[in-house]
C-alpha atoms as a PDB file:
ATOM      1  CA  MET A   1      25.796-142.948  82.710  1.00  0.00           C
ATOM      2  CA  ALA A   2      26.917-140.283  85.317  1.00  0.00           C
ATOM      3  CA  THR A   3      29.397-137.737  84.203  1.00  0.00           C
ATOM      4  CA  THR A   4      31.829-136.614  86.359  1.00  0.00           C
ATOM      5  CA  PRO A   5      31.923-132.822  87.378  1.00  0.00           C
ATOM      6  CA  ALA A   6      34.547-130.745  85.780  1.00  0.00           C
ATOM      7  CA  PRO A   7      36.982-129.245  88.246  1.00  0.00           C
ATOM      8  CA  ASP A   8      36.423-125.767  89.132  1.00  0.00           C
ATOM      9  CA  ALA A   9      39.428-123.289  89.106  1.00  0.00           C
ATOM     10  CA  ALA A  10      38.979-122.829  93.190  1.00  0.00           C
ATOM     11  CA  SER A  11      39.680-126.246  94.068  1.00  0.00           C
ATOM     12  CA  GLN A  12      43.011-126.149  91.913  1.00  0.00           C
ATOM     13  CA  PRO A  13      46.303-125.964  93.782  1.00  0.00           C
ATOM     14  CA  PRO A  14      47.593-122.321  92.762  1.00  0.00           C
ATOM     15  CA  ALA A  15      50.456-122.700  90.157  1.00  0.00           C
ATOM     16  CA  SER A  16      54.178-122.189  91.881  1.00  0.00           C
ATOM     17  CA  HIS A  17      55.614-119.272  90.764  1.00  0.00           C
ATOM     18  CA  PRO A  18      58.532-118.606  92.686  1.00  0.00           C
ATOM     19  CA  ALA A  19      58.485-115.449  95.044  1.00  0.00           C
ATOM     20  CA  LYS A  20      59.547-112.134  93.983  1.00  0.00           C
ATOM     21  CA  ARG A  21      62.804-111.051  96.088  1.00  0.00           C
ATOM     22  CA  ASN A  22      61.954-107.314  96.385  1.00  0.00           C
ATOM     23  CA  GLY A  23      64.802-106.640  99.504  1.00  0.00           C
ATOM     24  CA  LEU A  24      67.018-104.678  98.018  1.00  0.00           C
ATOM     25  CA  GLY A  25      64.972-102.194  96.305  1.00  0.00           C
ATOM     26  CA  THR A  26      63.106-101.523  99.577  1.00  0.00           C
ATOM     27  CA  ALA A  27      66.292-101.364 101.299  1.00  0.00           C
ATOM     28  CA  ALA A  28      67.754 -99.007  98.833  1.00  0.00           C
ATOM     29  CA  LEU A  29      64.461 -96.703  99.355  1.00  0.00           C
ATOM     30  CA  VAL A  30      64.263 -96.999 103.333  1.00  0.00           C
ATOM     31  CA  ILE A  31      67.931 -95.846 103.725  1.00  0.00           C
ATOM     32  CA  GLY A  32      67.709 -93.553 100.849  1.00  0.00           C
ATOM     33  CA  VAL A  33      64.999 -91.470 102.588  1.00  0.00           C
ATOM     34  CA  VAL A  34      66.819 -92.071 106.311  1.00  0.00           C
ATOM     35  CA  SER A  35      70.185 -90.487 104.531  1.00  0.00           C
ATOM     36  CA  LEU A  36      68.455 -87.734 103.115  1.00  0.00           C
ATOM     37  CA  VAL A  37      66.687 -86.798 106.774  1.00  0.00           C
ATOM     38  CA  LEU A  38      70.174 -87.303 108.364  1.00  0.00           C
ATOM     39  CA  ALA A  39      71.720 -84.845 105.509  1.00  0.00           C
ATOM     40  CA  VAL A  40      69.236 -82.097 106.582  1.00  0.00           C
ATOM     41  CA  LEU A  41      70.059 -82.248 110.150  1.00  0.00           C
ATOM     42  CA  VAL A  42      73.544 -80.980 109.845  1.00  0.00           C
ATOM     43  CA  ILE A  43      75.160 -82.786 112.849  1.00  0.00           C
ATOM     44  CA  PHE A  44      74.557 -86.062 111.358  1.00  0.00           C
ATOM     45  CA  ALA A  45      75.638 -85.111 107.556  1.00  0.00           C
ATOM     46  CA  PRO A  46      78.689 -86.798 107.515  1.00  0.00           C
ATOM     47  CA  LEU A  47      75.890 -90.391 108.196  1.00  0.00           C
ATOM     48  CA  ALA A  48      74.330 -89.479 105.129  1.00  0.00           C
ATOM     49  CA  LEU A  49      77.713 -89.937 102.767  1.00  0.00           C
ATOM     50  CA  PRO A  50      77.879 -93.504 103.457  1.00  0.00           C
ATOM     51  CA  LEU A  51      74.029 -94.083 103.894  1.00  0.00           C
ATOM     52  CA  GLY A  52      73.342 -92.165 100.163  1.00  0.00           C
ATOM     53  CA  LEU A  53      75.877 -94.672  98.556  1.00  0.00           C
ATOM     54  CA  LEU A  54      74.960 -97.521 100.340  1.00  0.00           C
ATOM     55  CA  ALA A  55      71.221 -96.542  98.793  1.00  0.00           C
ATOM     56  CA  ILE A  56      72.419 -95.753  95.387  1.00  0.00           C
ATOM     57  CA  VAL A  57      74.420 -99.442  95.561  1.00  0.00           C
ATOM     58  CA  PHE A  58      71.258-101.410  96.950  1.00  0.00           C
ATOM     59  CA  GLY A  59      69.214 -99.892  94.356  1.00  0.00           C
ATOM     60  CA  ALA A  60      71.581-100.507  91.232  1.00  0.00           C
ATOM     61  CA  PHE A  61      71.037-104.237  92.583  1.00  0.00           C
ATOM     62  CA  GLY A  62      67.644-103.931  92.960  1.00  0.00           C
ATOM     63  CA  MET A  63      67.112-102.572  89.404  1.00  0.00           C
ATOM     64  CA  ALA A  64      68.994-105.420  87.991  1.00  0.00           C
ATOM     65  CA  ARG A  65      66.944-107.848  89.554  1.00  0.00           C
ATOM     66  CA  ALA A  66      63.647-105.705  88.658  1.00  0.00           C
ATOM     67  CA  SER A  67      65.276-105.921  84.887  1.00  0.00           C
ATOM     68  CA  ARG A  68      65.736-110.046  85.052  1.00  0.00           C
ATOM     69  CA  GLY A  69      62.164-110.490  86.512  1.00  0.00           C
ATOM     70  CA  GLU A  70      63.300-111.448  89.571  1.00  0.00           C
ATOM     71  CA  ALA A  71      61.450-108.494  91.678  1.00  0.00           C
ATOM     72  CA  ASP A  72      58.840-106.238  90.731  1.00  0.00           C
ATOM     73  CA  ASN A  73      59.241-103.140  92.595  1.00  0.00           C
ATOM     74  CA  ASN A  74      61.861-101.233  90.768  1.00  0.00           C
ATOM     75  CA  GLY A  75      59.988 -98.110  91.843  1.00  0.00           C
ATOM     76  CA  HIS A  76      61.618 -98.311  94.919  1.00  0.00           C
ATOM     77  CA  ALA A  77      64.867 -99.247  93.797  1.00  0.00           C
ATOM     78  CA  VAL A  78      65.040 -96.055  91.408  1.00  0.00           C
ATOM     79  CA  ALA A  79      63.859 -93.943  94.297  1.00  0.00           C
ATOM     80  CA  GLY A  80      66.417 -95.545  96.889  1.00  0.00           C
ATOM     81  CA  MET A  81      69.137 -94.370  94.265  1.00  0.00           C
ATOM     82  CA  VAL A  82      67.396 -90.801  93.534  1.00  0.00           C
ATOM     83  CA  THR A  83      67.132 -90.157  97.656  1.00  0.00           C
ATOM     84  CA  GLY A  84      70.773 -91.406  98.261  1.00  0.00           C
ATOM     85  CA  GLY A  85      72.447 -89.335  95.672  1.00  0.00           C
ATOM     86  CA  LEU A  86      70.356 -86.416  96.966  1.00  0.00           C
ATOM     87  CA  SER A  87      71.145 -87.011 100.393  1.00  0.00           C
ATOM     88  CA  ILE A  88      75.024 -87.231  99.230  1.00  0.00           C
ATOM     89  CA  VAL A  89      74.528 -83.811  97.708  1.00  0.00           C
ATOM     90  CA  VAL A  90      72.331 -82.179  99.935  1.00  0.00           C
ATOM     91  CA  ALA A  91      75.314 -83.310 102.830  1.00  0.00           C
ATOM     92  CA  ILE A  92      78.053 -82.416 101.133  1.00  0.00           C
ATOM     93  CA  ILE A  93      76.744 -78.508 100.211  1.00  0.00           C
ATOM     94  CA  LEU A  94      75.708 -78.624 103.984  1.00  0.00           C
ATOM     95  CA  GLY A  95      78.754 -79.279 105.584  1.00  0.00           C
ATOM     96  CA  ILE A  96      80.956 -77.308 102.759  1.00  0.00           C
ATOM     97  CA  THR A  97      78.674 -74.037 104.131  1.00  0.00           C
ATOM     98  CA  PHE A  98      79.064 -75.122 107.836  1.00  0.00           C
ATOM     99  CA  VAL A  99      82.795 -75.655 107.308  1.00  0.00           C
ATOM    100  CA  ASN A 100      82.925 -71.927 105.720  1.00  0.00           C
ATOM    101  CA  SER A 101      80.693 -70.358 107.907  1.00  0.00           C
ATOM    102  CA  LEU A 102      83.068 -71.263 110.802  1.00  0.00           C
ATOM    103  CA  VAL A 103      86.419 -70.337 109.019  1.00  0.00           C
ATOM    104  CA  LYS A 104      84.842 -67.293 108.416  1.00  0.00           C
ATOM    105  CA  HIS A 105      83.675 -66.731 111.999  1.00  0.00           C
ATOM    106  CA  GLN A 106      86.637 -68.295 113.879  1.00  0.00           C
ATOM    107  CA  ASP A 107      87.941 -65.207 115.501  1.00  0.00           C
ATOM    108  CA  ASP A 108      84.425 -64.420 116.588  1.00  0.00           C
ATOM    109  CA  LEU A 109      83.479 -67.465 118.251  1.00  0.00           C
ATOM    110  CA  ARG A 110      87.156 -67.589 119.994  1.00  0.00           C
ATOM    111  CA  ARG A 111      85.863 -64.157 121.489  1.00  0.00           C
ATOM    112  CA  PHE A 112      82.240 -65.258 122.510  1.00  0.00           C
ATOM    113  CA  GLY A 113      84.850 -68.401 124.067  1.00  0.00           C
ATOM    114  CA  THR A 114      86.806 -65.952 125.756  1.00  0.00           C
ATOM    115  CA  CYS A 115      83.959 -63.747 126.734  1.00  0.00           C
ATOM    116  CA  LEU A 116      81.930 -66.546 128.292  1.00  0.00           C
ATOM    117  CA  SER A 117      85.063 -67.942 130.268  1.00  0.00           C
ATOM    118  CA  GLY A 118      85.119 -64.393 132.102  1.00  0.00           C
ATOM    119  CA  ALA A 119      81.540 -64.116 132.549  1.00  0.00           C
ATOM    120  CA  ASP A 120      80.170 -64.591 136.296  1.00  0.00           C
ATOM    121  CA  ASP A 121      76.677 -64.476 136.086  1.00  0.00           C
ATOM    122  CA  ASP A 122      73.630 -64.599 133.313  1.00  0.00           C
ATOM    123  CA  ASP A 123      73.829 -61.227 132.715  1.00  0.00           C
ATOM    124  CA  GLU A 124      77.511 -61.000 131.777  1.00  0.00           C
ATOM    125  CA  ARG A 125      76.579 -64.367 129.745  1.00  0.00           C
ATOM    126  CA  GLY A 126      73.775 -63.143 127.780  1.00  0.00           C
ATOM    127  CA  ALA A 127      75.940 -59.974 126.708  1.00  0.00           C
ATOM    128  CA  CYS A 128      78.356 -62.207 125.316  1.00  0.00           C
ATOM    129  CA  ILE A 129      75.647 -64.011 123.588  1.00  0.00           C
ATOM    130  CA  ARG A 130      74.446 -60.858 122.196  1.00  0.00           C
ATOM    131  CA  GLU A 131      77.850 -59.611 120.889  1.00  0.00           C
ATOM    132  CA  LEU A 132      78.546 -62.797 119.096  1.00  0.00           C
ATOM    133  CA  GLY A 133      74.831 -62.134 117.718  1.00  0.00           C
ATOM    134  CA  ASP A 134      75.614 -58.760 116.592  1.00  0.00           C
ATOM    135  CA  ARG A 135      79.334 -59.602 115.123  1.00  0.00           C
ATOM    136  CA  LEU A 136      77.955 -62.714 113.099  1.00  0.00           C
ATOM    137  CA  GLU A 137      74.972 -60.228 111.624  1.00  0.00           C
ATOM    138  CA  ASP A 138      77.609 -57.567 110.140  1.00  0.00           C
ATOM    139  CA  GLY A 139      79.987 -60.583 109.177  1.00  0.00           C
END
């Protein structure tokens, strides 16, 4: 009597498991890093605020999915929330510092503008720049 060989594990079809949905955690991390870079680039700091908030929201939803077992990248979601929050803090601090500096030196900047308007050549413009530099160093 012939025996039938036992099927090996390699020939068995894989058990179907629902795919993990990791998009929100990954999106939170990417958006958080981008917002942090934009926060450091002072001119783009206003963009860092909404992107940082978006990273926090996506991170929270990503963490919720991970806690329910629907995703397996809780670390990405947490890192996205942290970088998003950090970018908001950095953008606010740099923004306040920048505005305070403009307010503090508004008269110096006004004089600089007037000086440049009256300058006829590169030597006079260079003198205007040196004068502004001296005023900012003293101030």
